[in-house]
C-alpha atoms as a PDB file:
ATOM      1  CA  MET A   1      31.280 -34.141  12.152  1.00  0.00           C
ATOM      2  CA  ALA A   2      32.313 -37.470  13.707  1.00  0.00           C
ATOM      3  CA  GLU A   3      33.930 -38.405  10.387  1.00  0.00           C
ATOM      4  CA  ILE A   4      36.138 -35.303  10.285  1.00  0.00           C
ATOM      5  CA  ASP A   5      39.681 -35.277  11.669  1.00  0.00           C
ATOM      6  CA  ARG A   6      39.354 -33.115  14.815  1.00  0.00           C
ATOM      7  CA  SER A   7      42.755 -31.553  14.189  1.00  0.00           C
ATOM      8  CA  SER A   8      41.344 -29.910  11.063  1.00  0.00           C
ATOM      9  CA  LEU A   9      38.395 -28.374  12.918  1.00  0.00           C
ATOM     10  CA  ALA A  10      38.417 -24.934  14.477  1.00  0.00           C
ATOM     11  CA  ILE A  11      36.147 -22.151  15.585  1.00  0.00           C
ATOM     12  CA  THR A  12      36.853 -18.444  15.433  1.00  0.00           C
ATOM     13  CA  VAL A  13      37.442 -16.329  18.494  1.00  0.00           C
ATOM     14  CA  ILE A  14      34.387 -14.334  17.314  1.00  0.00           C
ATOM     15  CA  THR A  15      32.259 -17.478  17.548  1.00  0.00           C
ATOM     16  CA  ALA A  16      33.616 -18.134  21.046  1.00  0.00           C
ATOM     17  CA  GLU A  17      32.821 -14.534  22.013  1.00  0.00           C
ATOM     18  CA  GLU A  18      29.231 -14.879  20.778  1.00  0.00           C
ATOM     19  CA  GLN A  19      28.711 -18.143  22.652  1.00  0.00           C
ATOM     20  CA  ILE A  20      30.102 -16.737  25.897  1.00  0.00           C
ATOM     21  CA  LYS A  21      27.978 -13.583  25.596  1.00  0.00           C
ATOM     22  CA  GLY A  22      24.925 -15.788  25.127  1.00  0.00           C
ATOM     23  CA  ARG A  23      25.807 -17.802  28.219  1.00  0.00           C
ATOM     24  CA  PHE A  24      26.252 -14.595  30.263  1.00  0.00           C
ATOM     25  CA  LYS A  25      22.800 -13.397  29.150  1.00  0.00           C
ATOM     26  CA  LEU A  26      21.247 -16.673  30.285  1.00  0.00           C
ATOM     27  CA  ILE A  27      23.035 -16.415  33.645  1.00  0.00           C
ATOM     28  CA  LYS A  28      21.756 -12.880  34.111  1.00  0.00           C
ATOM     29  CA  ARG A  29      18.180 -13.920  33.238  1.00  0.00           C
ATOM     30  CA  ALA A  30      18.346 -16.941  35.552  1.00  0.00           C
ATOM     31  CA  ALA A  31      19.679 -14.976  38.527  1.00  0.00           C
ATOM     32  CA  SER A  32      16.482 -15.380  40.575  1.00  0.00           C
ATOM     33  CA  SER A  33      15.815 -19.012  39.671  1.00  0.00           C
ATOM     34  CA  GLY A  34      17.992 -21.565  41.456  1.00  0.00           C
ATOM     35  CA  ARG A  35      17.655 -24.495  39.026  1.00  0.00           C
ATOM     36  CA  LYS A  36      17.930 -22.323  35.923  1.00  0.00           C
ATOM     37  CA  LEU A  37      20.996 -20.622  37.384  1.00  0.00           C
ATOM     38  CA  ILE A  38      22.664 -23.966  38.055  1.00  0.00           C
ATOM     39  CA  GLN A  39      21.966 -25.045  34.468  1.00  0.00           C
ATOM     40  CA  ALA A  40      23.154 -21.723  33.044  1.00  0.00           C
ATOM     41  CA  TYR A  41      26.484 -22.026  34.850  1.00  0.00           C
ATOM     42  CA  ALA A  42      26.812 -25.687  33.852  1.00  0.00           C
ATOM     43  CA  ASP A  43      26.280 -24.695  30.216  1.00  0.00           C
ATOM     44  CA  LEU A  44      28.921 -21.968  30.497  1.00  0.00           C
ATOM     45  CA  GLN A  45      31.343 -24.454  32.011  1.00  0.00           C
ATOM     46  CA  ALA A  46      30.620 -26.919  29.181  1.00  0.00           C
ATOM     47  CA  ASN A  47      31.394 -24.206  26.623  1.00  0.00           C
ATOM     48  CA  LEU A  48      34.683 -23.371  28.337  1.00  0.00           C
ATOM     49  CA  ALA A  49      35.635 -27.057  28.425  1.00  0.00           C
ATOM     50  CA  PHE A  50      34.811 -27.373  24.708  1.00  0.00           C
ATOM     51  CA  PHE A  51      37.045 -24.406  23.873  1.00  0.00           C
ATOM     52  CA  LYS A  52      39.969 -26.321  25.410  1.00  0.00           C
ATOM     53  CA  THR A  53      39.404 -29.217  22.993  1.00  0.00           C
ATOM     54  CA  ILE A  54      39.314 -27.321  19.714  1.00  0.00           C
ATOM     55  CA  GLN A  55      41.549 -24.853  17.942  1.00  0.00           C
ATOM     56  CA  VAL A  56      40.299 -21.278  18.311  1.00  0.00           C
ATOM     57  CA  LEU A  57      41.352 -19.096  15.376  1.00  0.00           C
ATOM     58  CA  SER A  58      42.552 -15.595  16.306  1.00  0.00           C
ATOM     59  CA  PHE A  59      41.549 -12.239  14.948  1.00  0.00           C
ATOM     60  CA  ASP A  60      45.124 -11.250  14.115  1.00  0.00           C
ATOM     61  CA  GLU A  61      46.889  -8.893  11.700  1.00  0.00           C
ATOM     62  CA  ALA A  62      46.072 -11.087   8.679  1.00  0.00           C
ATOM     63  CA  ALA A  63      42.407 -11.279   9.676  1.00  0.00           C
ATOM     64  CA  LEU A  64      42.339  -7.519  10.253  1.00  0.00           C
ATOM     65  CA  ALA A  65      43.701  -6.920   6.739  1.00  0.00           C
ATOM     66  CA  HIS A  66      40.957  -9.107   5.247  1.00  0.00           C
ATOM     67  CA  TYR A  67      38.348  -7.419   7.434  1.00  0.00           C
ATOM     68  CA  GLU A  68      39.375  -3.948   6.307  1.00  0.00           C
ATOM     69  CA  THR A  69      39.306  -5.086   2.666  1.00  0.00           C
ATOM     70  CA  LEU A  70      35.839  -6.586   3.119  1.00  0.00           C
ATOM     71  CA  ARG A  71      34.534  -3.369   4.677  1.00  0.00           C
ATOM     72  CA  GLN A  72      35.490  -1.329   1.582  1.00  0.00           C
ATOM     73  CA  PRO A  73      32.609  -2.462  -0.669  1.00  0.00           C
ATOM     74  CA  LYS A  74      30.158  -2.170   2.261  1.00  0.00           C
ATOM     75  CA  ILE A  75      28.942  -5.761   2.081  1.00  0.00           C
ATOM     76  CA  ARG A  76      25.626  -5.812   3.892  1.00  0.00           C
ATOM     77  CA  ILE A  77      26.152  -8.421   6.601  1.00  0.00           C
ATOM     78  CA  GLY A  78      26.689  -8.125  10.338  1.00  0.00           C
ATOM     79  CA  THR A  79      30.007  -6.955  11.747  1.00  0.00           C
ATOM     80  CA  GLN A  80      30.602 -10.206  13.631  1.00  0.00           C
ATOM     81  CA  ASP A  81      29.900 -12.268  10.491  1.00  0.00           C
ATOM     82  CA  LEU A  82      32.306 -10.078   8.554  1.00  0.00           C
ATOM     83  CA  ARG A  83      34.975 -10.698  11.212  1.00  0.00           C
ATOM     84  CA  ILE A  84      34.357 -14.455  11.074  1.00  0.00           C
ATOM     85  CA  ALA A  85      34.696 -14.374   7.280  1.00  0.00           C
ATOM     86  CA  ALA A  86      37.922 -12.381   7.557  1.00  0.00           C
ATOM     87  CA  ILE A  87      39.443 -14.945   9.911  1.00  0.00           C
ATOM     88  CA  VAL A  88      38.443 -17.843   7.650  1.00  0.00           C
ATOM     89  CA  LEU A  89      39.855 -16.070   4.586  1.00  0.00           C
ATOM     90  CA  SER A  90      43.089 -15.286   6.442  1.00  0.00           C
ATOM     91  CA  VAL A  91      43.736 -18.977   7.119  1.00  0.00           C
ATOM     92  CA  LYS A  92      42.445 -20.093   3.703  1.00  0.00           C
ATOM     93  CA  GLY A  93      39.831 -22.181   5.478  1.00  0.00           C
ATOM     94  CA  THR A  94      36.327 -23.384   4.791  1.00  0.00           C
ATOM     95  CA  LEU A  95      33.438 -21.887   6.725  1.00  0.00           C
ATOM     96  CA  VAL A  96      30.873 -24.447   7.839  1.00  0.00           C
ATOM     97  CA  THR A  97      27.571 -22.611   8.217  1.00  0.00           C
ATOM     98  CA  ARG A  98      23.881 -22.722   7.434  1.00  0.00           C
ATOM     99  CA  ASN A  99      23.914 -18.958   6.895  1.00  0.00           C
ATOM    100  CA  TRP A 100      24.558 -18.928   3.162  1.00  0.00           C
ATOM    101  CA  ARG A 101      22.308 -15.890   2.720  1.00  0.00           C
ATOM    102  CA  ASP A 102      24.907 -13.641   4.347  1.00  0.00           C
ATOM    103  CA  PHE A 103      28.214 -15.459   3.909  1.00  0.00           C
ATOM    104  CA  SER A 104      27.691 -16.108   0.196  1.00  0.00           C
ATOM    105  CA  LYS A 105      28.085 -12.346  -0.287  1.00  0.00           C
ATOM    106  CA  ILE A 106      31.780 -12.627   0.645  1.00  0.00           C
ATOM    107  CA  PRO A 107      34.033 -13.043  -2.404  1.00  0.00           C
ATOM    108  CA  ASN A 108      36.349 -16.087  -2.361  1.00  0.00           C
ATOM    109  CA  LEU A 109      34.901 -17.460   0.887  1.00  0.00           C
ATOM    110  CA  VAL A 110      34.574 -21.253   0.691  1.00  0.00           C
ATOM    111  CA  LEU A 111      31.364 -22.469   2.354  1.00  0.00           C
ATOM    112  CA  GLU A 112      29.967 -25.835   3.401  1.00  0.00           C
ATOM    113  CA  ASP A 113      26.668 -26.719   5.057  1.00  0.00           C
ATOM    114  CA  TRP A 114      26.712 -29.836   7.238  1.00  0.00           C
ATOM    115  CA  SER A 115      23.105 -29.569   8.375  1.00  0.00           C
END
């Protein structure tokens, strides 16, 4: 990732949503533990700071059109993954993921695995 031009990198708003939800769950679980709560909030703050440094791709009208098209054949992957794929297709991007099992089911979706 260090070799990639940062201006060409982005995450989807769906990915941001999932990360924030995960942070909120950790905060809720850590509510009675002082040190864990401090760390949970620090991790949330780190995520928010990261989101300021990278382009976050929207779920807009173009993404919605792709999403509705992808729902027609009832591709058997999660709703959030389908939304991520729709955003990537709408911007003619490449999805970097290890989850080829699900995303490879999406026609015309360009995938890369950097792991």
